[in-house]
C-alpha atoms as a PDB file:
ATOM      1  CA  UNK A   1       0.000   0.000   0.000  1.00  0.00           C
ATOM      2  CA  UNK A   2       1.567   3.310  -1.092  1.00  0.00           C
ATOM      3  CA  UNK A   3       1.485   6.604   0.795  1.00  0.00           C
ATOM      4  CA  UNK A   4      -1.455   8.017  -1.175  1.00  0.00           C
ATOM      5  CA  UNK A   5      -3.591   4.949  -0.453  1.00  0.00           C
ATOM      6  CA  UNK A   6      -2.685   5.125   3.253  1.00  0.00           C
ATOM      7  CA  UNK A   7      -3.695   8.786   3.443  1.00  0.00           C
ATOM      8  CA  UNK A   8      -6.962   8.071   1.605  1.00  0.00           C
ATOM      9  CA  UNK A   9      -7.767   5.185   3.962  1.00  0.00           C
ATOM     10  CA  UNK A  10      -6.952   7.325   7.002  1.00  0.00           C
ATOM     11  CA  UNK A  11      -9.188  10.119   5.695  1.00  0.00           C
ATOM     12  CA  UNK A  12     -12.045   7.686   5.205  1.00  0.00           C
ATOM     13  CA  UNK A  13     -11.614   6.318   8.732  1.00  0.00           C
ATOM     14  CA  UNK A  14     -11.689   9.825  10.254  1.00  0.00           C
ATOM     15  CA  UNK A  15     -14.629  11.153   8.229  1.00  0.00           C
ATOM     16  CA  UNK A  16     -18.044  11.507   9.801  1.00  0.00           C
ATOM     17  CA  UNK A  17     -19.994   8.304   9.182  1.00  0.00           C
ATOM     18  CA  UNK A  18     -23.406   8.117   7.585  1.00  0.00           C
ATOM     19  CA  UNK A  19     -24.954   6.953  10.840  1.00  0.00           C
ATOM     20  CA  UNK A  20     -23.748  10.164  12.531  1.00  0.00           C
ATOM     21  CA  UNK A  21     -25.289  12.255   9.765  1.00  0.00           C
ATOM     22  CA  UNK A  22     -28.546  10.311  10.039  1.00  0.00           C
ATOM     23  CA  UNK A  23     -28.694  10.734  13.819  1.00  0.00           C
ATOM     24  CA  UNK A  24     -28.042  14.477  13.415  1.00  0.00           C
ATOM     25  CA  UNK A  25     -30.877  14.894  10.913  1.00  0.00           C
ATOM     26  CA  UNK A  26     -33.208  12.808  13.072  1.00  0.00           C
ATOM     27  CA  UNK A  27     -32.516  14.178  16.543  1.00  0.00           C
ATOM     28  CA  UNK A  28     -30.739  17.538  16.343  1.00  0.00           C
ATOM     29  CA  UNK A  29     -33.897  19.647  16.754  1.00  0.00           C
ATOM     30  CA  UNK A  30     -34.940  17.558  19.775  1.00  0.00           C
ATOM     31  CA  UNK A  31     -31.614  17.569  21.657  1.00  0.00           C
ATOM     32  CA  UNK A  32     -30.614  21.235  21.313  1.00  0.00           C
ATOM     33  CA  UNK A  33     -31.539  21.784  24.966  1.00  0.00           C
ATOM     34  CA  UNK A  34     -28.537  19.583  25.884  1.00  0.00           C
ATOM     35  CA  UNK A  35     -25.977  21.757  24.092  1.00  0.00           C
ATOM     36  CA  UNK A  36     -25.578  24.384  26.880  1.00  0.00           C
ATOM     37  CA  UNK A  37     -25.258  21.601  29.460  1.00  0.00           C
ATOM     38  CA  UNK A  38     -22.468  19.851  27.545  1.00  0.00           C
ATOM     39  CA  UNK A  39     -20.152  22.788  26.864  1.00  0.00           C
ATOM     40  CA  UNK A  40     -17.201  20.931  28.392  1.00  0.00           C
ATOM     41  CA  UNK A  41     -17.821  18.137  25.888  1.00  0.00           C
ATOM     42  CA  UNK A  42     -17.524  20.644  23.045  1.00  0.00           C
ATOM     43  CA  UNK A  43     -14.095  21.699  24.341  1.00  0.00           C
ATOM     44  CA  UNK A  44     -12.966  18.073  24.724  1.00  0.00           C
ATOM     45  CA  UNK A  45     -14.019  17.206  21.164  1.00  0.00           C
ATOM     46  CA  UNK A  46     -11.997  20.117  19.807  1.00  0.00           C
ATOM     47  CA  UNK A  47      -8.919  19.400  21.941  1.00  0.00           C
ATOM     48  CA  UNK A  48      -9.030  15.725  20.955  1.00  0.00           C
ATOM     49  CA  UNK A  49      -9.055  16.822  17.285  1.00  0.00           C
ATOM     50  CA  UNK A  50     -12.031  14.553  16.653  1.00  0.00           C
ATOM     51  CA  UNK A  51     -13.310  15.023  13.072  1.00  0.00           C
ATOM     52  CA  UNK A  52     -16.933  15.465  14.114  1.00  0.00           C
ATOM     53  CA  UNK A  53     -18.884  18.630  15.018  1.00  0.00           C
ATOM     54  CA  UNK A  54     -20.173  19.001  18.569  1.00  0.00           C
ATOM     55  CA  UNK A  55     -23.855  19.052  17.517  1.00  0.00           C
ATOM     56  CA  UNK A  56     -23.436  15.873  15.456  1.00  0.00           C
ATOM     57  CA  UNK A  57     -21.678  14.097  18.318  1.00  0.00           C
ATOM     58  CA  UNK A  58     -24.437  14.971  20.801  1.00  0.00           C
ATOM     59  CA  UNK A  59     -27.091  13.661  18.401  1.00  0.00           C
ATOM     60  CA  UNK A  60     -25.040  10.482  17.922  1.00  0.00           C
ATOM     61  CA  UNK A  61     -24.726  10.045  21.694  1.00  0.00           C
ATOM     62  CA  UNK A  62     -28.500  10.130  22.112  1.00  0.00           C
ATOM     63  CA  UNK A  63     -29.042   7.894  19.071  1.00  0.00           C
ATOM     64  CA  UNK A  64     -26.626   5.170  20.207  1.00  0.00           C
ATOM     65  CA  UNK A  65     -27.917   5.432  23.780  1.00  0.00           C
ATOM     66  CA  UNK A  66     -31.483   4.902  22.537  1.00  0.00           C
ATOM     67  CA  UNK A  67     -30.380   1.807  20.620  1.00  0.00           C
ATOM     68  CA  UNK A  68     -28.599   0.489  23.713  1.00  0.00           C
ATOM     69  CA  UNK A  69     -31.681   1.272  25.828  1.00  0.00           C
ATOM     70  CA  UNK A  70     -33.916  -0.665  23.420  1.00  0.00           C
ATOM     71  CA  UNK A  71     -31.513  -3.633  23.575  1.00  0.00           C
ATOM     72  CA  UNK A  72     -31.539  -3.425  27.376  1.00  0.00           C
ATOM     73  CA  UNK A  73     -35.349  -3.418  27.432  1.00  0.00           C
ATOM     74  CA  UNK A  74     -35.470  -6.490  25.180  1.00  0.00           C
ATOM     75  CA  UNK A  75     -32.844  -8.235  27.298  1.00  0.00           C
ATOM     76  CA  UNK A  76     -34.797  -7.432  30.473  1.00  0.00           C
ATOM     77  CA  UNK A  77     -38.023  -8.723  28.928  1.00  0.00           C
ATOM     78  CA  UNK A  78     -36.383 -11.997  27.829  1.00  0.00           C
ATOM     79  CA  UNK A  79     -34.801 -12.405  31.260  1.00  0.00           C
ATOM     80  CA  UNK A  80     -38.155 -11.869  32.946  1.00  0.00           C
ATOM     81  CA  UNK A  81     -39.713 -14.639  30.821  1.00  0.00           C
ATOM     82  CA  UNK A  82     -37.168 -17.278  31.771  1.00  0.00           C
ATOM     83  CA  UNK A  83     -36.446 -16.347  35.397  1.00  0.00           C
ATOM     84  CA  UNK A  84     -39.039 -16.312  38.141  1.00  0.00           C
ATOM     85  CA  UNK A  85     -38.506 -12.932  39.803  1.00  0.00           C
ATOM     86  CA  UNK A  86     -40.219 -11.991  43.029  1.00  0.00           C
ATOM     87  CA  UNK A  87     -42.075  -9.783  43.656  1.00  0.00           C
ATOM     88  CA  UNK A  88     -44.060  -9.770  40.394  1.00  0.00           C
ATOM     89  CA  UNK A  89     -43.897  -5.953  40.142  1.00  0.00           C
ATOM     90  CA  UNK A  90     -40.123  -6.206  39.726  1.00  0.00           C
ATOM     91  CA  UNK A  91     -40.621  -8.549  36.794  1.00  0.00           C
ATOM     92  CA  UNK A  92     -42.739  -5.883  35.075  1.00  0.00           C
ATOM     93  CA  UNK A  93     -40.182  -3.164  35.784  1.00  0.00           C
ATOM     94  CA  UNK A  94     -37.189  -5.243  34.689  1.00  0.00           C
ATOM     95  CA  UNK A  95     -37.359  -4.259  30.966  1.00  0.00           C
ATOM     96  CA  UNK A  96     -37.671  -0.597  31.934  1.00  0.00           C
ATOM     97  CA  UNK A  97     -34.769  -0.827  34.373  1.00  0.00           C
ATOM     98  CA  UNK A  98     -32.648  -2.720  31.839  1.00  0.00           C
ATOM     99  CA  UNK A  99     -33.323  -0.103  29.186  1.00  0.00           C
ATOM    100  CA  UNK A 100     -32.554   2.805  31.498  1.00  0.00           C
ATOM    101  CA  UNK A 101     -29.349   1.205  32.779  1.00  0.00           C
ATOM    102  CA  UNK A 102     -27.937   0.498  29.305  1.00  0.00           C
ATOM    103  CA  UNK A 103     -29.061   3.928  28.091  1.00  0.00           C
ATOM    104  CA  UNK A 104     -27.230   5.621  30.975  1.00  0.00           C
ATOM    105  CA  UNK A 105     -24.093   3.477  30.619  1.00  0.00           C
ATOM    106  CA  UNK A 106     -23.840   4.128  26.875  1.00  0.00           C
ATOM    107  CA  UNK A 107     -24.448   7.851  27.301  1.00  0.00           C
ATOM    108  CA  UNK A 108     -21.807   8.041  30.031  1.00  0.00           C
ATOM    109  CA  UNK A 109     -19.205   6.100  28.020  1.00  0.00           C
ATOM    110  CA  UNK A 110     -19.734   8.248  24.917  1.00  0.00           C
ATOM    111  CA  UNK A 111     -19.401  11.365  27.060  1.00  0.00           C
ATOM    112  CA  UNK A 112     -16.108  10.119  28.535  1.00  0.00           C
ATOM    113  CA  UNK A 113     -14.511   9.045  25.226  1.00  0.00           C
ATOM    114  CA  UNK A 114     -13.506  12.596  24.112  1.00  0.00           C
ATOM    115  CA  UNK A 115     -11.912  13.304  27.506  1.00  0.00           C
ATOM    116  CA  UNK A 116      -9.935  10.056  27.304  1.00  0.00           C
ATOM    117  CA  UNK A 117      -8.769  10.976  23.801  1.00  0.00           C
ATOM    118  CA  UNK A 118      -7.699  14.408  25.051  1.00  0.00           C
ATOM    119  CA  UNK A 119      -5.593  12.744  27.766  1.00  0.00           C
ATOM    120  CA  UNK A 120      -4.028  10.361  25.246  1.00  0.00           C
ATOM    121  CA  UNK A 121      -3.317  13.209  22.828  1.00  0.00           C
ATOM    122  CA  UNK A 122      -1.736  15.273  25.595  1.00  0.00           C
ATOM    123  CA  UNK A 123       0.582  12.425  26.635  1.00  0.00           C
ATOM    124  CA  UNK A 124       1.584  11.776  22.997  1.00  0.00           C
ATOM    125  CA  UNK A 125       2.390  15.455  22.447  1.00  0.00           C
ATOM    126  CA  UNK A 126       4.545  15.550  25.588  1.00  0.00           C
ATOM    127  CA  UNK A 127       6.481  12.508  24.314  1.00  0.00           C
ATOM    128  CA  UNK A 128       6.930  13.972  20.828  1.00  0.00           C
ATOM    129  CA  UNK A 129       7.989  17.528  21.766  1.00  0.00           C
ATOM    130  CA  UNK A 130      11.642  16.754  22.701  1.00  0.00           C
ATOM    131  CA  UNK A 131      12.127  15.025  19.335  1.00  0.00           C
ATOM    132  CA  UNK A 132      10.435  17.645  17.150  1.00  0.00           C
ATOM    133  CA  UNK A 133      11.731  20.746  18.936  1.00  0.00           C
ATOM    134  CA  UNK A 134      15.258  19.896  17.810  1.00  0.00           C
ATOM    135  CA  UNK A 135      14.000  19.507  14.240  1.00  0.00           C
ATOM    136  CA  UNK A 136      12.256  22.873  14.465  1.00  0.00           C
ATOM    137  CA  UNK A 137      15.430  24.471  15.795  1.00  0.00           C
ATOM    138  CA  UNK A 138      17.446  23.039  12.899  1.00  0.00           C
ATOM    139  CA  UNK A 139      14.922  24.304  10.348  1.00  0.00           C
ATOM    140  CA  UNK A 140      14.901  27.758  11.967  1.00  0.00           C
ATOM    141  CA  UNK A 141      18.725  27.832  11.917  1.00  0.00           C
ATOM    142  CA  UNK A 142      18.666  27.045   8.183  1.00  0.00           C
ATOM    143  CA  UNK A 143      16.629  30.214   7.640  1.00  0.00           C
ATOM    144  CA  UNK A 144      13.076  28.917   7.298  1.00  0.00           C
ATOM    145  CA  UNK A 145      10.198  31.056   8.536  1.00  0.00           C
ATOM    146  CA  UNK A 146       7.652  29.697  11.030  1.00  0.00           C
ATOM    147  CA  UNK A 147       5.272  28.917   8.178  1.00  0.00           C
ATOM    148  CA  UNK A 148       8.050  27.111   6.328  1.00  0.00           C
ATOM    149  CA  UNK A 149       8.844  25.089   9.456  1.00  0.00           C
ATOM    150  CA  UNK A 150       5.272  23.844   9.768  1.00  0.00           C
ATOM    151  CA  UNK A 151       5.121  23.061   6.043  1.00  0.00           C
ATOM    152  CA  UNK A 152       8.334  21.046   6.321  1.00  0.00           C
ATOM    153  CA  UNK A 153       6.964  19.081   9.290  1.00  0.00           C
ATOM    154  CA  UNK A 154       3.662  18.548   7.464  1.00  0.00           C
ATOM    155  CA  UNK A 155       5.530  16.730   4.673  1.00  0.00           C
ATOM    156  CA  UNK A 156       6.799  14.062   7.081  1.00  0.00           C
ATOM    157  CA  UNK A 157       5.384  10.617   6.212  1.00  0.00           C
ATOM    158  CA  UNK A 158       4.346   9.755   9.768  1.00  0.00           C
ATOM    159  CA  UNK A 159       1.116   9.819  11.756  1.00  0.00           C
ATOM    160  CA  UNK A 160       2.489  11.524  14.863  1.00  0.00           C
ATOM    161  CA  UNK A 161       0.271  14.145  16.448  1.00  0.00           C
ATOM    162  CA  UNK A 162       2.639  17.071  15.864  1.00  0.00           C
ATOM    163  CA  UNK A 163       2.829  16.173  12.166  1.00  0.00           C
ATOM    164  CA  UNK A 164      -0.972  16.064  12.030  1.00  0.00           C
ATOM    165  CA  UNK A 165      -1.111  19.479  13.715  1.00  0.00           C
ATOM    166  CA  UNK A 166       1.343  20.884  11.167  1.00  0.00           C
ATOM    167  CA  UNK A 167      -0.883  19.565   8.385  1.00  0.00           C
ATOM    168  CA  UNK A 168      -3.848  21.199  10.113  1.00  0.00           C
ATOM    169  CA  UNK A 169      -2.054  24.573  10.122  1.00  0.00           C
ATOM    170  CA  UNK A 170      -1.043  24.202   6.465  1.00  0.00           C
ATOM    171  CA  UNK A 171      -4.622  23.294   5.562  1.00  0.00           C
ATOM    172  CA  UNK A 172      -5.937  26.398   7.351  1.00  0.00           C
ATOM    173  CA  UNK A 173      -3.471  28.568   5.443  1.00  0.00           C
ATOM    174  CA  UNK A 174      -3.640  27.034   1.958  1.00  0.00           C
ATOM    175  CA  UNK A 175      -7.310  26.013   1.799  1.00  0.00           C
ATOM    176  CA  UNK A 176      -9.202  28.174   4.291  1.00  0.00           C
ATOM    177  CA  UNK A 177      -7.151  31.277   3.568  1.00  0.00           C
ATOM    178  CA  UNK A 178      -6.114  32.014   7.152  1.00  0.00           C
ATOM    179  CA  UNK A 179      -2.948  33.904   7.950  1.00  0.00           C
ATOM    180  CA  UNK A 180      -0.225  32.098   9.894  1.00  0.00           C
ATOM    181  CA  UNK A 181      -1.011  33.630  13.304  1.00  0.00           C
ATOM    182  CA  UNK A 182      -4.745  32.902  13.045  1.00  0.00           C
ATOM    183  CA  UNK A 183      -4.050  29.317  11.948  1.00  0.00           C
ATOM    184  CA  UNK A 184      -1.731  28.708  14.918  1.00  0.00           C
ATOM    185  CA  UNK A 185      -4.135  30.320  17.378  1.00  0.00           C
ATOM    186  CA  UNK A 186      -6.914  28.099  16.047  1.00  0.00           C
ATOM    187  CA  UNK A 187      -4.699  25.079  16.735  1.00  0.00           C
ATOM    188  CA  UNK A 188      -3.908  26.371  20.246  1.00  0.00           C
ATOM    189  CA  UNK A 189      -7.648  26.408  21.010  1.00  0.00           C
ATOM    190  CA  UNK A 190      -7.733  22.749  19.924  1.00  0.00           C
ATOM    191  CA  UNK A 191      -4.712  21.724  21.982  1.00  0.00           C
ATOM    192  CA  UNK A 192      -4.712  20.494  25.607  1.00  0.00           C
ATOM    193  CA  UNK A 193      -3.059  22.845  28.061  1.00  0.00           C
ATOM    194  CA  UNK A 194       0.570  21.906  28.533  1.00  0.00           C
ATOM    195  CA  UNK A 195       4.111  22.311  27.135  1.00  0.00           C
ATOM    196  CA  UNK A 196       2.960  22.006  23.513  1.00  0.00           C
ATOM    197  CA  UNK A 197       0.379  24.780  23.727  1.00  0.00           C
ATOM    198  CA  UNK A 198       2.989  26.938  25.509  1.00  0.00           C
ATOM    199  CA  UNK A 199       5.440  26.203  22.681  1.00  0.00           C
ATOM    200  CA  UNK A 200       2.912  27.379  20.075  1.00  0.00           C
ATOM    201  CA  UNK A 201       2.001  30.482  22.065  1.00  0.00           C
ATOM    202  CA  UNK A 202       5.678  31.352  22.474  1.00  0.00           C
ATOM    203  CA  UNK A 203       6.267  30.940  18.736  1.00  0.00           C
ATOM    204  CA  UNK A 204       3.346  33.285  17.986  1.00  0.00           C
ATOM    205  CA  UNK A 205       4.648  35.909  20.414  1.00  0.00           C
ATOM    206  CA  UNK A 206       8.168  35.614  18.956  1.00  0.00           C
ATOM    207  CA  UNK A 207       6.914  36.150  15.408  1.00  0.00           C
ATOM    208  CA  UNK A 208       4.627  39.033  16.362  1.00  0.00           C
ATOM    209  CA  UNK A 209       7.358  40.807  18.337  1.00  0.00           C
ATOM    210  CA  UNK A 210       9.968  40.301  15.622  1.00  0.00           C
ATOM    211  CA  UNK A 211      12.140  38.104  17.824  1.00  0.00           C
ATOM    212  CA  UNK A 212      14.751  35.585  16.734  1.00  0.00           C
ATOM    213  CA  UNK A 213      12.901  32.326  16.013  1.00  0.00           C
ATOM    214  CA  UNK A 214      16.155  30.355  16.019  1.00  0.00           C
ATOM    215  CA  UNK A 215      17.077  31.493  19.528  1.00  0.00           C
ATOM    216  CA  UNK A 216      13.555  30.775  20.783  1.00  0.00           C
ATOM    217  CA  UNK A 217      13.561  27.195  19.492  1.00  0.00           C
ATOM    218  CA  UNK A 218      17.125  26.608  20.736  1.00  0.00           C
ATOM    219  CA  UNK A 219      16.240  27.803  24.255  1.00  0.00           C
ATOM    220  CA  UNK A 220      13.015  25.777  24.258  1.00  0.00           C
ATOM    221  CA  UNK A 221      14.873  22.688  23.019  1.00  0.00           C
ATOM    222  CA  UNK A 222      17.323  22.908  25.938  1.00  0.00           C
ATOM    223  CA  UNK A 223      14.457  23.141  28.434  1.00  0.00           C
ATOM    224  CA  UNK A 224      12.576  20.225  26.861  1.00  0.00           C
ATOM    225  CA  UNK A 225      15.685  18.028  26.758  1.00  0.00           C
ATOM    226  CA  UNK A 226      16.400  18.754  30.425  1.00  0.00           C
ATOM    227  CA  UNK A 227      12.812  17.861  31.332  1.00  0.00           C
ATOM    228  CA  UNK A 228      13.126  14.676  29.253  1.00  0.00           C
ATOM    229  CA  UNK A 229      16.341  13.803  31.084  1.00  0.00           C
ATOM    230  CA  UNK A 230      14.662  14.318  34.477  1.00  0.00           C
ATOM    231  CA  UNK A 231      11.706  12.202  33.365  1.00  0.00           C
ATOM    232  CA  UNK A 232      14.023   9.378  32.310  1.00  0.00           C
ATOM    233  CA  UNK A 233      15.808   9.543  35.667  1.00  0.00           C
ATOM    234  CA  UNK A 234      12.486   9.287  37.527  1.00  0.00           C
ATOM    235  CA  UNK A 235      11.446   6.411  35.272  1.00  0.00           C
ATOM    236  CA  UNK A 236      14.701   4.581  36.015  1.00  0.00           C
ATOM    237  CA  UNK A 237      14.184   5.026  39.756  1.00  0.00           C
ATOM    238  CA  UNK A 238      10.601   3.793  39.473  1.00  0.00           C
ATOM    239  CA  UNK A 239      11.726   0.735  37.500  1.00  0.00           C
ATOM    240  CA  UNK A 240      14.202  -0.009  40.288  1.00  0.00           C
ATOM    241  CA  UNK A 241      11.315  -0.070  42.763  1.00  0.00           C
ATOM    242  CA  UNK A 242       9.325  -2.294  40.404  1.00  0.00           C
ATOM    243  CA  UNK A 243      12.284  -4.691  40.218  1.00  0.00           C
ATOM    244  CA  UNK A 244      12.273  -4.991  44.016  1.00  0.00           C
ATOM    245  CA  UNK A 245       8.513  -5.634  44.007  1.00  0.00           C
ATOM    246  CA  UNK A 246       9.043  -8.258  41.290  1.00  0.00           C
ATOM    247  CA  UNK A 247      11.659 -10.040  43.379  1.00  0.00           C
ATOM    248  CA  UNK A 248       9.446 -10.084  46.470  1.00  0.00           C
ATOM    249  CA  UNK A 249       6.173 -10.932  44.745  1.00  0.00           C
ATOM    250  CA  UNK A 250       7.291 -13.511  42.180  1.00  0.00           C
ATOM    251  CA  UNK A 251      10.391 -15.089  43.771  1.00  0.00           C
ATOM    252  CA  UNK A 252      10.420 -14.764  47.547  1.00  0.00           C
ATOM    253  CA  UNK A 253       6.667 -14.999  48.198  1.00  0.00           C
ATOM    254  CA  UNK A 254       6.074 -18.224  46.180  1.00  0.00           C
ATOM    255  CA  UNK A 255       9.009 -19.962  47.883  1.00  0.00           C
ATOM    256  CA  UNK A 256       7.837 -18.937  51.354  1.00  0.00           C
ATOM    257  CA  UNK A 257       4.236 -19.911  50.533  1.00  0.00           C
ATOM    258  CA  UNK A 258       5.268 -23.393  49.323  1.00  0.00           C
ATOM    259  CA  UNK A 259       7.442 -23.949  52.400  1.00  0.00           C
ATOM    260  CA  UNK A 260       4.654 -22.791  54.735  1.00  0.00           C
ATOM    261  CA  UNK A 261       2.035 -24.967  53.017  1.00  0.00           C
ATOM    262  CA  UNK A 262       4.360 -27.967  53.112  1.00  0.00           C
ATOM    263  CA  UNK A 263       4.943 -27.549  56.848  1.00  0.00           C
ATOM    264  CA  UNK A 264       1.224 -27.030  57.495  1.00  0.00           C
ATOM    265  CA  UNK A 265       0.474 -30.172  55.483  1.00  0.00           C
ATOM    266  CA  UNK A 266       2.239 -32.189  58.189  1.00  0.00           C
ATOM    267  CA  UNK A 267      -0.216 -30.935  60.811  1.00  0.00           C
ATOM    268  CA  UNK A 268      -3.418 -30.626  58.746  1.00  0.00           C
ATOM    269  CA  UNK A 269      -4.351 -31.739  55.203  1.00  0.00           C
ATOM    270  CA  UNK A 270      -6.532 -28.659  54.611  1.00  0.00           C
ATOM    271  CA  UNK A 271      -6.609 -24.923  55.286  1.00  0.00           C
ATOM    272  CA  UNK A 272      -9.847 -22.946  55.579  1.00  0.00           C
ATOM    273  CA  UNK A 273     -11.687 -25.793  53.881  1.00  0.00           C
ATOM    274  CA  UNK A 274      -9.252 -26.019  50.929  1.00  0.00           C
ATOM    275  CA  UNK A 275      -6.955 -28.941  50.254  1.00  0.00           C
ATOM    276  CA  UNK A 276      -3.306 -27.862  50.519  1.00  0.00           C
ATOM    277  CA  UNK A 277      -2.460 -29.455  47.163  1.00  0.00           C
ATOM    278  CA  UNK A 278      -5.261 -27.394  45.594  1.00  0.00           C
ATOM    279  CA  UNK A 279      -3.898 -24.234  47.185  1.00  0.00           C
ATOM    280  CA  UNK A 280      -0.436 -24.998  45.788  1.00  0.00           C
ATOM    281  CA  UNK A 281      -1.911 -25.530  42.318  1.00  0.00           C
ATOM    282  CA  UNK A 282      -3.809 -22.225  42.544  1.00  0.00           C
ATOM    283  CA  UNK A 283      -0.617 -20.481  43.644  1.00  0.00           C
ATOM    284  CA  UNK A 284       1.440 -22.064  40.852  1.00  0.00           C
ATOM    285  CA  UNK A 285      -0.961 -21.843  37.905  1.00  0.00           C
ATOM    286  CA  UNK A 286      -3.085 -18.790  38.794  1.00  0.00           C
ATOM    287  CA  UNK A 287      -1.599 -16.385  41.342  1.00  0.00           C
ATOM    288  CA  UNK A 288       1.984 -16.305  40.039  1.00  0.00           C
ATOM    289  CA  UNK A 289       1.127 -16.018  36.291  1.00  0.00           C
ATOM    290  CA  UNK A 290      -1.462 -13.292  36.960  1.00  0.00           C
ATOM    291  CA  UNK A 291       1.019 -11.402  39.132  1.00  0.00           C
ATOM    292  CA  UNK A 292       3.570 -11.645  36.336  1.00  0.00           C
ATOM    293  CA  UNK A 293       1.099 -10.250  33.804  1.00  0.00           C
ATOM    294  CA  UNK A 294       0.224  -7.381  36.152  1.00  0.00           C
ATOM    295  CA  UNK A 295       3.918  -6.572  36.583  1.00  0.00           C
ATOM    296  CA  UNK A 296       4.423  -6.523  32.810  1.00  0.00           C
ATOM    297  CA  UNK A 297       1.447  -4.191  32.339  1.00  0.00           C
ATOM    298  CA  UNK A 298       2.738  -1.918  35.112  1.00  0.00           C
ATOM    299  CA  UNK A 299       6.203  -1.718  33.549  1.00  0.00           C
ATOM    300  CA  UNK A 300       4.759  -1.106  30.078  1.00  0.00           C
ATOM    301  CA  UNK A 301       2.758   1.874  31.346  1.00  0.00           C
ATOM    302  CA  UNK A 302       5.796   3.310  33.124  1.00  0.00           C
ATOM    303  CA  UNK A 303       8.297   3.093  30.259  1.00  0.00           C
ATOM    304  CA  UNK A 304       8.088   5.893  27.640  1.00  0.00           C
ATOM    305  CA  UNK A 305       7.161   4.598  24.192  1.00  0.00           C
ATOM    306  CA  UNK A 306       9.912   6.613  22.496  1.00  0.00           C
END
């Protein structure tokens, strides 16, 4: 698959689906009263760079929640037919309760998704800044303007968030006719608060005040690299603590547990109603493997991805 086909596939994946358009046409006039109550959702959708308007997303939330509520009502009705529920009034209310529960769960999950995507986007940007700030500094040293820097980054054949943001700025300039400052400010409004938004704001101020863009990016690069170094040091210290936990949990504890169970087996063949051999099997084939998986997940979340 070549680059053009990849971009076309990505564009199709990120476009608003027909079901979203249908839900908007069907429900928008009836759910407008929710718009003022979900203003924080509007901000999250923009900061997550989700390719769907706020009004369309709210209509889709209600539409999918209604479908889930209908499925919950059917499930409750079927359950009531096969299970004898007392008192009888609860059996009548079960479809209603099932529908309301699934409706509420679906609505809540869809409301949380943009906030989760904002958090993920923020963490990705923090990881990418130390790598791209050096590139920006090099481009500025070679004499490129701020617009030229973003256009150079936009040509990168990667799907990193900073590259996507550079393409967003270039699109605003070349297609929507915005000037550079307006395009960057529009991106700042769609960026989670943090080092990346501060970087963009600083670049805007530098350009507007006629400052030296090369010196700004060089100074920012030094700060970001120092912060990256401190983060790596903290990560190394944390991994040292995890190594100690690993030794205690997966090496020392199993040995002590087997020795203790063996000694107790001399005095009693069971413990709390469980056969000691069964307890050893649970320890060997369930507790230790699950603990190992949990340790791997913990270490994976702690180690930076780049």
